[in-house]
Amino acid sequence: MSVKQIVIKGRASQRIYFQGELLPEEKKLTILEFIKLKEIPIASSCGGEGVCKKCVINGNIVSCMHLMTQVNQLLPEGEIIIFYL
């Protein structure tokens, strides 16, 4: 399943950090890599290896363990929420 449009926002601030469609090369990235590419602050100390689990989005999804192409399956609304932003 392909992601057409996503929203990345902070739950604390309700600020929208990104809203739009993915470029073809962005679909191959993990969610964590995409967030970092867009220069959105996100905690991560293990370099995306899934060990520290600091890069959690939407309360329980470890962003380094899933590709952007999986966003629709994980989050039907296409909304990625970073709780502490």
PDB file of N, CA and C in Angstrom:
ATOM      1  N   MET A   1       0.849  -1.176   0.000  1.00  0.00           N
ATOM      2  CA  MET A   1       0.000   0.000   0.000  1.00  0.00           C
ATOM      3  C   MET A   1       0.890   1.232   0.000  1.00  0.00           C
ATOM      4  N   SER A   2       0.543   2.210  -0.758  1.00  0.00           N
ATOM      5  CA  SER A   2       1.343   3.408  -0.903  1.00  0.00           C
ATOM      6  C   SER A   2       0.722   4.581  -0.152  1.00  0.00           C
ATOM      7  N   VAL A   3       1.572   5.407   0.422  1.00  0.00           N
ATOM      8  CA  VAL A   3       1.122   6.587   1.142  1.00  0.00           C
ATOM      9  C   VAL A   3       1.029   7.747   0.166  1.00  0.00           C
ATOM     10  N   LYS A   4      -0.098   8.417   0.130  1.00  0.00           N
ATOM     11  CA  LYS A   4      -0.246   9.566  -0.764  1.00  0.00           C
ATOM     12  C   LYS A   4      -0.005  10.875  -0.040  1.00  0.00           C
ATOM     13  N   GLN A   5      -0.633  11.077   1.102  1.00  0.00           N
ATOM     14  CA  GLN A   5      -0.434  12.295   1.861  1.00  0.00           C
ATOM     15  C   GLN A   5      -0.367  11.964   3.342  1.00  0.00           C
ATOM     16  N   ILE A   6       0.555  12.614   4.023  1.00  0.00           N
ATOM     17  CA  ILE A   6       0.686  12.406   5.455  1.00  0.00           C
ATOM     18  C   ILE A   6       0.770  13.749   6.167  1.00  0.00           C
ATOM     19  N   VAL A   7       0.529  13.685   7.457  1.00  0.00           N
ATOM     20  CA  VAL A   7       0.659  14.853   8.329  1.00  0.00           C
ATOM     21  C   VAL A   7       1.529  14.419   9.501  1.00  0.00           C
ATOM     22  N   ILE A   8       2.503  15.245   9.845  1.00  0.00           N
ATOM     23  CA  ILE A   8       3.302  15.018  11.038  1.00  0.00           C
ATOM     24  C   ILE A   8       3.059  16.201  11.951  1.00  0.00           C
ATOM     25  N   LYS A   9       2.581  15.905  13.167  1.00  0.00           N
ATOM     26  CA  LYS A   9       2.325  17.013  14.083  1.00  0.00           C
ATOM     27  C   LYS A   9       2.723  16.656  15.503  1.00  0.00           C
ATOM     28  N   GLY A  10       2.884  17.705  16.293  1.00  0.00           N
ATOM     29  CA  GLY A  10       3.182  17.545  17.704  1.00  0.00           C
ATOM     30  C   GLY A  10       1.886  17.529  18.497  1.00  0.00           C
ATOM     31  N   ARG A  11       1.784  16.595  19.420  1.00  0.00           N
ATOM     32  CA  ARG A  11       0.568  16.531  20.228  1.00  0.00           C
ATOM     33  C   ARG A  11       0.538  17.667  21.251  1.00  0.00           C
ATOM     34  N   ALA A  12       1.657  17.950  21.880  1.00  0.00           N
ATOM     35  CA  ALA A  12       1.695  18.997  22.904  1.00  0.00           C
ATOM     36  C   ALA A  12       1.418  20.379  22.315  1.00  0.00           C
ATOM     37  N   SER A  13       2.009  20.671  21.167  1.00  0.00           N
ATOM     38  CA  SER A  13       1.872  22.001  20.565  1.00  0.00           C
ATOM     39  C   SER A  13       0.735  22.107  19.559  1.00  0.00           C
ATOM     40  N   GLN A  14       0.270  20.959  19.050  1.00  0.00           N
ATOM     41  CA  GLN A  14      -0.711  20.901  17.958  1.00  0.00           C
ATOM     42  C   GLN A  14      -0.174  21.540  16.677  1.00  0.00           C
ATOM     43  N   ARG A  15       1.130  21.750  16.616  1.00  0.00           N
ATOM     44  CA  ARG A  15       1.775  22.326  15.434  1.00  0.00           C
ATOM     45  C   ARG A  15       1.921  21.258  14.362  1.00  0.00           C
ATOM     46  N   ILE A  16       1.656  21.629  13.128  1.00  0.00           N
ATOM     47  CA  ILE A  16       1.879  20.737  11.989  1.00  0.00           C
ATOM     48  C   ILE A  16       3.298  20.998  11.481  1.00  0.00           C
ATOM     49  N   TYR A  17       4.120  19.955  11.508  1.00  0.00           N
ATOM     50  CA  TYR A  17       5.510  20.063  11.072  1.00  0.00           C
ATOM     51  C   TYR A  17       5.676  19.700   9.603  1.00  0.00           C
ATOM     52  N   PHE A  18       4.789  18.869   9.096  1.00  0.00           N
ATOM     53  CA  PHE A  18       4.832  18.477   7.682  1.00  0.00           C
ATOM     54  C   PHE A  18       3.436  18.052   7.261  1.00  0.00           C
ATOM     55  N   GLN A  19       3.073  18.444   6.056  1.00  0.00           N
ATOM     56  CA  GLN A  19       1.828  17.968   5.462  1.00  0.00           C
ATOM     57  C   GLN A  19       2.053  17.922   3.960  1.00  0.00           C
ATOM     58  N   GLY A  20       1.842  16.756   3.365  1.00  0.00           N
ATOM     59  CA  GLY A  20       2.031  16.662   1.930  1.00  0.00           C
ATOM     60  C   GLY A  20       2.185  15.233   1.450  1.00  0.00           C
ATOM     61  N   GLU A  21       2.538  15.153   0.193  1.00  0.00           N
ATOM     62  CA  GLU A  21       2.731  13.861  -0.452  1.00  0.00           C
ATOM     63  C   GLU A  21       4.195  13.468  -0.404  1.00  0.00           C
ATOM     64  N   LEU A  22       4.445  12.186  -0.515  1.00  0.00           N
ATOM     65  CA  LEU A  22       5.804  11.670  -0.512  1.00  0.00           C
ATOM     66  C   LEU A  22       6.378  11.650  -1.915  1.00  0.00           C
ATOM     67  N   LEU A  23       7.657  11.945  -2.008  1.00  0.00           N
ATOM     68  CA  LEU A  23       8.375  11.764  -3.256  1.00  0.00           C
ATOM     69  C   LEU A  23       8.711  10.281  -3.385  1.00  0.00           C
ATOM     70  N   PRO A  24       8.903   9.780  -4.604  1.00  0.00           N
ATOM     71  CA  PRO A  24       9.181   8.338  -4.762  1.00  0.00           C
ATOM     72  C   PRO A  24      10.335   7.834  -3.897  1.00  0.00           C
ATOM     73  N   GLU A  25      11.422   8.588  -3.791  1.00  0.00           N
ATOM     74  CA  GLU A  25      12.568   8.145  -2.996  1.00  0.00           C
ATOM     75  C   GLU A  25      12.282   8.170  -1.492  1.00  0.00           C
ATOM     76  N   GLU A  26      11.335   8.974  -1.052  1.00  0.00           N
ATOM     77  CA  GLU A  26      10.981   9.040   0.370  1.00  0.00           C
ATOM     78  C   GLU A  26      10.185   7.816   0.826  1.00  0.00           C
ATOM     79  N   LYS A  27       9.530   7.148  -0.090  1.00  0.00           N
ATOM     80  CA  LYS A  27       8.730   5.965   0.248  1.00  0.00           C
ATOM     81  C   LYS A  27       9.600   4.801   0.722  1.00  0.00           C
ATOM     82  N   LYS A  28      10.882   4.820   0.381  1.00  0.00           N
ATOM     83  CA  LYS A  28      11.807   3.750   0.749  1.00  0.00           C
ATOM     84  C   LYS A  28      12.407   3.948   2.137  1.00  0.00           C
ATOM     85  N   LEU A  29      12.171   5.106   2.752  1.00  0.00           N
ATOM     86  CA  LEU A  29      12.755   5.437   4.047  1.00  0.00           C
ATOM     87  C   LEU A  29      11.945   4.863   5.200  1.00  0.00           C
ATOM     88  N   THR A  30      12.612   4.676   6.343  1.00  0.00           N
ATOM     89  CA  THR A  30      11.853   4.374   7.550  1.00  0.00           C
ATOM     90  C   THR A  30      11.153   5.669   7.971  1.00  0.00           C
ATOM     91  N   ILE A  31      10.182   5.539   8.829  1.00  0.00           N
ATOM     92  CA  ILE A  31       9.482   6.732   9.316  1.00  0.00           C
ATOM     93  C   ILE A  31      10.480   7.644  10.027  1.00  0.00           C
ATOM     94  N   LEU A  32      11.380   7.067  10.823  1.00  0.00           N
ATOM     95  CA  LEU A  32      12.392   7.860  11.517  1.00  0.00           C
ATOM     96  C   LEU A  32      13.282   8.608  10.527  1.00  0.00           C
ATOM     97  N   GLU A  33      13.752   7.935   9.494  1.00  0.00           N
ATOM     98  CA  GLU A  33      14.599   8.583   8.487  1.00  0.00           C
ATOM     99  C   GLU A  33      13.865   9.736   7.814  1.00  0.00           C
ATOM    100  N   PHE A  34      12.579   9.535   7.520  1.00  0.00           N
ATOM    101  CA  PHE A  34      11.780  10.586   6.885  1.00  0.00           C
ATOM    102  C   PHE A  34      11.648  11.792   7.809  1.00  0.00           C
ATOM    103  N   ILE A  35      11.350  11.541   9.083  1.00  0.00           N
ATOM    104  CA  ILE A  35      11.206  12.634  10.052  1.00  0.00           C
ATOM    105  C   ILE A  35      12.509  13.419  10.160  1.00  0.00           C
ATOM    106  N   LYS A  36      13.623  12.719  10.210  1.00  0.00           N
ATOM    107  CA  LYS A  36      14.925  13.385  10.280  1.00  0.00           C
ATOM    108  C   LYS A  36      15.224  14.155   8.990  1.00  0.00           C
ATOM    109  N   LEU A  37      14.865  13.584   7.847  1.00  0.00           N
ATOM    110  CA  LEU A  37      15.068  14.249   6.565  1.00  0.00           C
ATOM    111  C   LEU A  37      14.342  15.589   6.526  1.00  0.00           C
ATOM    112  N   LYS A  38      13.173  15.633   7.113  1.00  0.00           N
ATOM    113  CA  LYS A  38      12.365  16.863   7.140  1.00  0.00           C
ATOM    114  C   LYS A  38      12.789  17.795   8.273  1.00  0.00           C
ATOM    115  N   GLU A  39      13.874  17.422   8.978  1.00  0.00           N
ATOM    116  CA  GLU A  39      14.448  18.219  10.064  1.00  0.00           C
ATOM    117  C   GLU A  39      13.453  18.488  11.187  1.00  0.00           C
ATOM    118  N   ILE A  40      12.645  17.479  11.472  1.00  0.00           N
ATOM    119  CA  ILE A  40      11.690  17.534  12.574  1.00  0.00           C
ATOM    120  C   ILE A  40      12.374  16.877  13.768  1.00  0.00           C
ATOM    121  N   PRO A  41      12.388  17.536  14.929  1.00  0.00           N
ATOM    122  CA  PRO A  41      13.075  16.942  16.074  1.00  0.00           C
ATOM    123  C   PRO A  41      12.397  15.666  16.561  1.00  0.00           C
ATOM    124  N   ILE A  42      13.199  14.626  16.735  1.00  0.00           N
ATOM    125  CA  ILE A  42      12.702  13.358  17.275  1.00  0.00           C
ATOM    126  C   ILE A  42      13.831  12.689  18.044  1.00  0.00           C
ATOM    127  N   ALA A  43      13.503  12.135  19.185  1.00  0.00           N
ATOM    128  CA  ALA A  43      14.510  11.469  20.017  1.00  0.00           C
ATOM    129  C   ALA A  43      14.914  10.136  19.391  1.00  0.00           C
ATOM    130  N   SER A  44      16.207   9.860  19.436  1.00  0.00           N
ATOM    131  CA  SER A  44      16.733   8.577  18.986  1.00  0.00           C
ATOM    132  C   SER A  44      18.201   8.531  19.360  1.00  0.00           C
ATOM    133  N   SER A  45      18.587   7.538  20.131  1.00  0.00           N
ATOM    134  CA  SER A  45      19.996   7.443  20.518  1.00  0.00           C
ATOM    135  C   SER A  45      20.687   6.201  19.968  1.00  0.00           C
ATOM    136  N   CYS A  46      19.943   5.301  19.344  1.00  0.00           N
ATOM    137  CA  CYS A  46      20.559   4.056  18.856  1.00  0.00           C
ATOM    138  C   CYS A  46      20.825   4.087  17.352  1.00  0.00           C
ATOM    139  N   GLY A  47      20.567   5.216  16.699  1.00  0.00           N
ATOM    140  CA  GLY A  47      20.841   5.307  15.262  1.00  0.00           C
ATOM    141  C   GLY A  47      19.869   4.520  14.407  1.00  0.00           C
ATOM    142  N   GLY A  48      18.664   4.314  14.886  1.00  0.00           N
ATOM    143  CA  GLY A  48      17.661   3.625  14.088  1.00  0.00           C
ATOM    144  C   GLY A  48      17.734   2.111  14.131  1.00  0.00           C
ATOM    145  N   GLU A  49      18.362   1.552  15.142  1.00  0.00           N
ATOM    146  CA  GLU A  49      18.482   0.099  15.262  1.00  0.00           C
ATOM    147  C   GLU A  49      17.343  -0.543  16.044  1.00  0.00           C
ATOM    148  N   GLY A  50      16.421   0.257  16.565  1.00  0.00           N
ATOM    149  CA  GLY A  50      15.277  -0.286  17.302  1.00  0.00           C
ATOM    150  C   GLY A  50      15.572  -0.703  18.718  1.00  0.00           C
ATOM    151  N   VAL A  51      16.706  -0.264  19.249  1.00  0.00           N
ATOM    152  CA  VAL A  51      17.117  -0.675  20.581  1.00  0.00           C
ATOM    153  C   VAL A  51      16.601   0.284  21.662  1.00  0.00           C
ATOM    154  N   CYS A  52      16.766   1.588  21.455  1.00  0.00           N
ATOM    155  CA  CYS A  52      16.424   2.552  22.513  1.00  0.00           C
ATOM    156  C   CYS A  52      14.921   2.821  22.611  1.00  0.00           C
ATOM    157  N   LYS A  53      14.213   2.665  21.515  1.00  0.00           N
ATOM    158  CA  LYS A  53      12.761   2.886  21.450  1.00  0.00           C
ATOM    159  C   LYS A  53      12.349   4.291  21.876  1.00  0.00           C
ATOM    160  N   LYS A  54      13.232   5.266  21.647  1.00  0.00           N
ATOM    161  CA  LYS A  54      12.923   6.661  21.947  1.00  0.00           C
ATOM    162  C   LYS A  54      12.162   7.337  20.807  1.00  0.00           C
ATOM    163  N   CYS A  55      12.188   6.749  19.630  1.00  0.00           N
ATOM    164  CA  CYS A  55      11.585   7.370  18.448  1.00  0.00           C
ATOM    165  C   CYS A  55      10.119   6.965  18.262  1.00  0.00           C
ATOM    166  N   VAL A  56       9.451   6.744  19.367  1.00  0.00           N
ATOM    167  CA  VAL A  56       8.051   6.304  19.333  1.00  0.00           C
ATOM    168  C   VAL A  56       7.147   7.419  18.804  1.00  0.00           C
ATOM    169  N   ILE A  57       6.234   7.042  17.921  1.00  0.00           N
ATOM    170  CA  ILE A  57       5.207   7.952  17.407  1.00  0.00           C
ATOM    171  C   ILE A  57       3.844   7.371  17.756  1.00  0.00           C
ATOM    172  N   ASN A  58       2.853   8.196  17.819  1.00  0.00           N
ATOM    173  CA  ASN A  58       1.473   7.775  18.078  1.00  0.00           C
ATOM    174  C   ASN A  58       1.354   6.881  19.314  1.00  0.00           C
ATOM    175  N   GLY A  59       2.245   7.089  20.271  1.00  0.00           N
ATOM    176  CA  GLY A  59       2.148   6.391  21.546  1.00  0.00           C
ATOM    177  C   GLY A  59       2.766   5.022  21.636  1.00  0.00           C
ATOM    178  N   ASN A  60       2.847   4.275  20.507  1.00  0.00           N
ATOM    179  CA  ASN A  60       3.351   2.898  20.618  1.00  0.00           C
ATOM    180  C   ASN A  60       4.053   2.356  19.379  1.00  0.00           C
ATOM    181  N   ILE A  61       4.290   3.182  18.380  1.00  0.00           N
ATOM    182  CA  ILE A  61       4.928   2.708  17.148  1.00  0.00           C
ATOM    183  C   ILE A  61       6.376   3.188  17.124  1.00  0.00           C
ATOM    184  N   VAL A  62       7.310   2.243  17.063  1.00  0.00           N
ATOM    185  CA  VAL A  62       8.734   2.579  16.991  1.00  0.00           C
ATOM    186  C   VAL A  62       9.033   2.944  15.540  1.00  0.00           C
ATOM    187  N   SER A  63       9.288   4.215  15.308  1.00  0.00           N
ATOM    188  CA  SER A  63       9.367   4.737  13.935  1.00  0.00           C
ATOM    189  C   SER A  63      10.517   4.182  13.110  1.00  0.00           C
ATOM    190  N   CYS A  64      11.588   3.728  13.753  1.00  0.00           N
ATOM    191  CA  CYS A  64      12.717   3.192  12.986  1.00  0.00           C
ATOM    192  C   CYS A  64      12.468   1.772  12.493  1.00  0.00           C
ATOM    193  N   MET A  65      11.391   1.163  12.939  1.00  0.00           N
ATOM    194  CA  MET A  65      11.102  -0.223  12.573  1.00  0.00           C
ATOM    195  C   MET A  65      10.083  -0.355  11.438  1.00  0.00           C
ATOM    196  N   HIS A  66       9.617   0.777  10.907  1.00  0.00           N
ATOM    197  CA  HIS A  66       8.584   0.738   9.864  1.00  0.00           C
ATOM    198  C   HIS A  66       8.919   1.696   8.731  1.00  0.00           C
ATOM    199  N   LEU A  67       8.581   1.279   7.524  1.00  0.00           N
ATOM    200  CA  LEU A  67       8.810   2.103   6.345  1.00  0.00           C
ATOM    201  C   LEU A  67       7.661   3.082   6.124  1.00  0.00           C
ATOM    202  N   MET A  68       7.956   4.134   5.403  1.00  0.00           N
ATOM    203  CA  MET A  68       6.917   5.114   5.079  1.00  0.00           C
ATOM    204  C   MET A  68       5.767   4.474   4.298  1.00  0.00           C
ATOM    205  N   THR A  69       6.049   3.428   3.536  1.00  0.00           N
ATOM    206  CA  THR A  69       4.986   2.743   2.791  1.00  0.00           C
ATOM    207  C   THR A  69       4.005   2.027   3.711  1.00  0.00           C
ATOM    208  N   GLN A  70       4.342   1.872   4.985  1.00  0.00           N
ATOM    209  CA  GLN A  70       3.473   1.197   5.937  1.00  0.00           C
ATOM    210  C   GLN A  70       2.585   2.166   6.724  1.00  0.00           C
ATOM    211  N   VAL A  71       2.742   3.457   6.506  1.00  0.00           N
ATOM    212  CA  VAL A  71       1.994   4.440   7.291  1.00  0.00           C
ATOM    213  C   VAL A  71       0.483   4.225   7.177  1.00  0.00           C
ATOM    214  N   ASN A  72      -0.026   3.968   5.981  1.00  0.00           N
ATOM    215  CA  ASN A  72      -1.479   3.771   5.826  1.00  0.00           C
ATOM    216  C   ASN A  72      -1.988   2.559   6.601  1.00  0.00           C
ATOM    217  N   GLN A  73      -1.194   1.508   6.673  1.00  0.00           N
ATOM    218  CA  GLN A  73      -1.590   0.311   7.430  1.00  0.00           C
ATOM    219  C   GLN A  73      -1.569   0.579   8.928  1.00  0.00           C
ATOM    220  N   LEU A  74      -0.523   1.260   9.383  1.00  0.00           N
ATOM    221  CA  LEU A  74      -0.363   1.539  10.810  1.00  0.00           C
ATOM    222  C   LEU A  74      -1.288   2.650  11.294  1.00  0.00           C
ATOM    223  N   LEU A  75      -1.448   3.651  10.456  1.00  0.00           N
ATOM    224  CA  LEU A  75      -2.196   4.864  10.813  1.00  0.00           C
ATOM    225  C   LEU A  75      -3.136   5.216   9.663  1.00  0.00           C
ATOM    226  N   PRO A  76      -4.330   4.658   9.641  1.00  0.00           N
ATOM    227  CA  PRO A  76      -5.246   4.863   8.515  1.00  0.00           C
ATOM    228  C   PRO A  76      -5.497   6.335   8.161  1.00  0.00           C
ATOM    229  N   GLU A  77      -5.394   7.232   9.155  1.00  0.00           N
ATOM    230  CA  GLU A  77      -5.615   8.656   8.881  1.00  0.00           C
ATOM    231  C   GLU A  77      -4.386   9.310   8.257  1.00  0.00           C
ATOM    232  N   GLY A  78      -3.256   8.604   8.241  1.00  0.00           N
ATOM    233  CA  GLY A  78      -2.026   9.162   7.694  1.00  0.00           C
ATOM    234  C   GLY A  78      -1.414  10.233   8.583  1.00  0.00           C
ATOM    235  N   GLU A  79      -1.768  10.219   9.866  1.00  0.00           N
ATOM    236  CA  GLU A  79      -1.305  11.252  10.788  1.00  0.00           C
ATOM    237  C   GLU A  79      -0.273  10.676  11.755  1.00  0.00           C
ATOM    238  N   ILE A  80       0.941  11.202  11.675  1.00  0.00           N
ATOM    239  CA  ILE A  80       2.027  10.817  12.560  1.00  0.00           C
ATOM    240  C   ILE A  80       2.092  11.839  13.680  1.00  0.00           C
ATOM    241  N   ILE A  81       1.996  11.373  14.920  1.00  0.00           N
ATOM    242  CA  ILE A  81       1.994  12.289  16.064  1.00  0.00           C
ATOM    243  C   ILE A  81       3.194  12.016  16.951  1.00  0.00           C
ATOM    244  N   ILE A  82       3.965  13.079  17.209  1.00  0.00           N
ATOM    245  CA  ILE A  82       5.078  13.007  18.134  1.00  0.00           C
ATOM    246  C   ILE A  82       4.607  13.675  19.407  1.00  0.00           C
ATOM    247  N   PHE A  83       4.418  12.884  20.446  1.00  0.00           N
ATOM    248  CA  PHE A  83       3.743  13.348  21.658  1.00  0.00           C
ATOM    249  C   PHE A  83       4.412  14.531  22.350  1.00  0.00           C
ATOM    250  N   TYR A  84       5.748  14.551  22.421  1.00  0.00           N
ATOM    251  CA  TYR A  84       6.425  15.581  23.214  1.00  0.00           C
ATOM    252  C   TYR A  84       6.680  16.878  22.455  1.00  0.00           C
ATOM    253  N   LEU A  85       6.302  16.955  21.194  1.00  0.00           N
ATOM    254  CA  LEU A  85       6.479  18.203  20.432  1.00  0.00           C
ATOM    255  C   LEU A  85       5.277  19.100  20.565  1.00  0.00           C
TER     256      LEU A  85
END
